[in-house]
């Protein structure tokens, strides 16, 4: 018998079809800069846990009360995907455009696109809308 054990909250997993139907949305806190070569540079505030944010403030990493800015330069493929993120295009539609442009198999494009979008999501640069059940 375990005392004081917490029950883990079970998060229902999405099916592959449901995940591909999601529509990515850009975070409004991101500054997007188009460089001379046509690629995109993203600037966004670094997200820190409260304990680390307090340490960062004490060591002067925060300037004028703002979190440090992180930059991410996208390559040609990343720029294509980023440009298609508008809240209306689904992951499936973005992957299909990727497959057509770079002449790769649809499944390869889906895996690459989903992986890239998942990475952007972990960084807090995009969110996903699932309009079929009204959740975000």
Protein backbone atom coordinates (compact mmCIF):
# COMPACT_ATOMS: atom_id res chain seq x y z
CA UNK A 1 0.00 0.00 0.00
CA UNK A 2 1.44 3.33 -1.05
CA UNK A 3 0.75 6.36 1.04
CA UNK A 4 0.35 9.72 -0.62
CA UNK A 5 0.68 8.35 -4.12
CA UNK A 6 -0.70 10.50 -6.87
CA UNK A 7 -2.55 9.04 -9.74
CA UNK A 8 -1.03 9.92 -13.06
CA UNK A 9 -3.38 11.77 -15.33
CA UNK A 10 -3.96 9.73 -18.44
CA UNK A 11 -3.74 11.84 -21.58
CA UNK A 12 -5.61 10.22 -24.45
CA UNK A 13 -3.31 9.61 -27.38
CA UNK A 14 -4.22 10.79 -30.85
CA UNK A 15 -4.39 8.51 -33.80
CA UNK A 16 -2.08 9.25 -36.71
CA UNK A 17 -5.02 10.54 -38.73
CA UNK A 18 -6.09 12.91 -35.97
CA UNK A 19 -2.53 14.23 -35.60
CA UNK A 20 -2.22 14.82 -39.36
CA UNK A 21 -5.54 16.72 -39.32
CA UNK A 22 -4.29 19.21 -36.70
CA UNK A 23 -3.60 22.74 -37.85
CA UNK A 24 -0.45 24.42 -36.54
CA UNK A 25 -0.62 28.06 -35.39
CA UNK A 26 2.33 30.46 -34.94
CA UNK A 27 3.07 31.93 -31.52
CA UNK A 28 2.42 35.68 -31.57
CA UNK A 29 5.49 36.39 -29.42
CA UNK A 30 7.83 35.39 -32.24
CA UNK A 31 9.61 37.91 -34.42
CA UNK A 32 10.04 36.58 -37.93
CA UNK A 33 12.77 38.10 -40.12
CA UNK A 34 13.20 37.28 -43.80
CA UNK A 35 16.90 37.32 -44.65
CA UNK A 36 18.47 38.31 -47.98
CA UNK A 37 18.73 34.66 -49.07
CA UNK A 38 14.96 34.17 -48.57
CA UNK A 39 15.31 32.06 -45.43
CA UNK A 40 13.56 32.87 -42.16
CA UNK A 41 15.17 33.80 -38.84
CA UNK A 42 12.92 33.37 -35.80
CA UNK A 43 13.55 35.32 -32.59
CA UNK A 44 11.67 34.28 -29.48
CA UNK A 45 11.91 34.73 -25.72
CA UNK A 46 13.64 31.89 -23.92
CA UNK A 47 11.19 29.99 -21.72
CA UNK A 48 12.59 29.18 -18.30
CA UNK A 49 11.13 27.44 -15.30
CA UNK A 50 10.55 29.85 -12.40
CA UNK A 51 13.58 28.63 -10.41
CA UNK A 52 15.92 29.04 -13.40
CA UNK A 53 14.34 32.37 -14.31
CA UNK A 54 15.11 33.66 -10.80
CA UNK A 55 18.74 32.55 -11.11
CA UNK A 56 18.98 34.12 -14.58
CA UNK A 57 17.68 37.43 -13.21
CA UNK A 58 20.22 37.39 -10.39
CA UNK A 59 23.09 36.84 -12.81
CA UNK A 60 21.92 39.64 -15.08
CA UNK A 61 20.83 37.50 -18.01
CA UNK A 62 17.51 39.38 -18.19
CA UNK A 63 17.82 42.83 -19.66
CA UNK A 64 15.14 45.43 -18.81
CA UNK A 65 12.96 42.76 -17.21
CA UNK A 66 12.70 40.72 -20.43
CA UNK A 67 13.73 37.11 -20.90
CA UNK A 68 16.78 36.41 -23.06
CA UNK A 69 16.01 36.21 -26.79
CA UNK A 70 16.85 33.03 -28.64
CA UNK A 71 17.28 32.88 -32.42
CA UNK A 72 16.59 30.03 -34.79
CA UNK A 73 17.56 30.17 -38.46
CA UNK A 74 15.45 27.90 -40.65
CA UNK A 75 16.84 26.20 -43.73
CA UNK A 76 15.00 26.09 -47.05
CA UNK A 77 12.81 23.17 -46.04
CA UNK A 78 12.01 24.67 -42.64
CA UNK A 79 11.15 27.98 -44.29
CA UNK A 80 8.70 26.22 -46.63
CA UNK A 81 6.95 24.58 -43.70
CA UNK A 82 7.01 27.79 -41.61
CA UNK A 83 5.47 29.81 -44.43
CA UNK A 84 2.57 27.35 -44.68
CA UNK A 85 1.69 27.62 -40.97
CA UNK A 86 -1.34 29.88 -40.94
CA UNK A 87 -3.95 28.10 -38.83
CA UNK A 88 -5.81 26.89 -41.92
CA UNK A 89 -3.37 24.35 -43.39
CA UNK A 90 -3.34 20.95 -41.70
CA UNK A 91 -0.16 18.99 -41.03
CA UNK A 92 -1.27 16.65 -43.83
CA UNK A 93 -1.56 19.52 -46.34
CA UNK A 94 1.84 20.93 -45.34
CA UNK A 95 3.43 17.49 -45.70
CA UNK A 96 1.86 17.05 -49.15
CA UNK A 97 3.33 20.38 -50.31
CA UNK A 98 6.69 19.35 -48.87
CA UNK A 99 6.56 16.01 -50.73
CA UNK A 100 5.68 17.70 -54.01
CA UNK A 101 8.37 20.40 -53.75
CA UNK A 102 11.22 18.09 -52.72
CA UNK A 103 10.15 14.99 -54.67
CA UNK A 104 10.04 12.65 -51.66
CA UNK A 105 7.59 9.92 -50.79
CA UNK A 106 4.46 11.15 -48.98
CA UNK A 107 5.23 9.04 -45.89
CA UNK A 108 8.78 10.48 -45.67
CA UNK A 109 7.38 14.01 -45.97
CA UNK A 110 4.83 13.30 -43.24
CA UNK A 111 7.49 12.01 -40.85
CA UNK A 112 9.87 14.93 -41.55
CA UNK A 113 7.13 17.55 -41.30
CA UNK A 114 5.62 16.08 -38.13
CA UNK A 115 9.06 15.86 -36.50
CA UNK A 116 9.89 19.47 -37.39
CA UNK A 117 6.52 20.74 -36.14
CA UNK A 118 6.87 18.70 -32.94
CA UNK A 119 10.27 20.36 -32.35
CA UNK A 120 8.75 23.81 -32.92
CA UNK A 121 5.97 22.90 -30.51
CA UNK A 122 8.46 21.87 -27.80
CA UNK A 123 10.16 25.25 -28.18
CA UNK A 124 6.80 27.00 -27.82
CA UNK A 125 6.90 28.43 -31.34
CA UNK A 126 3.71 26.76 -32.55
CA UNK A 127 0.51 25.36 -31.07
CA UNK A 128 -1.88 22.93 -32.67
CA UNK A 129 -5.58 23.31 -33.24
CA UNK A 130 -7.81 20.29 -33.59
CA UNK A 131 -11.04 21.78 -34.92
CA UNK A 132 -12.83 18.45 -35.14
CA UNK A 133 -13.49 18.50 -31.39
CA UNK A 134 -12.93 22.20 -30.78
CA UNK A 135 -9.74 21.85 -28.72
CA UNK A 136 -6.43 23.59 -29.05
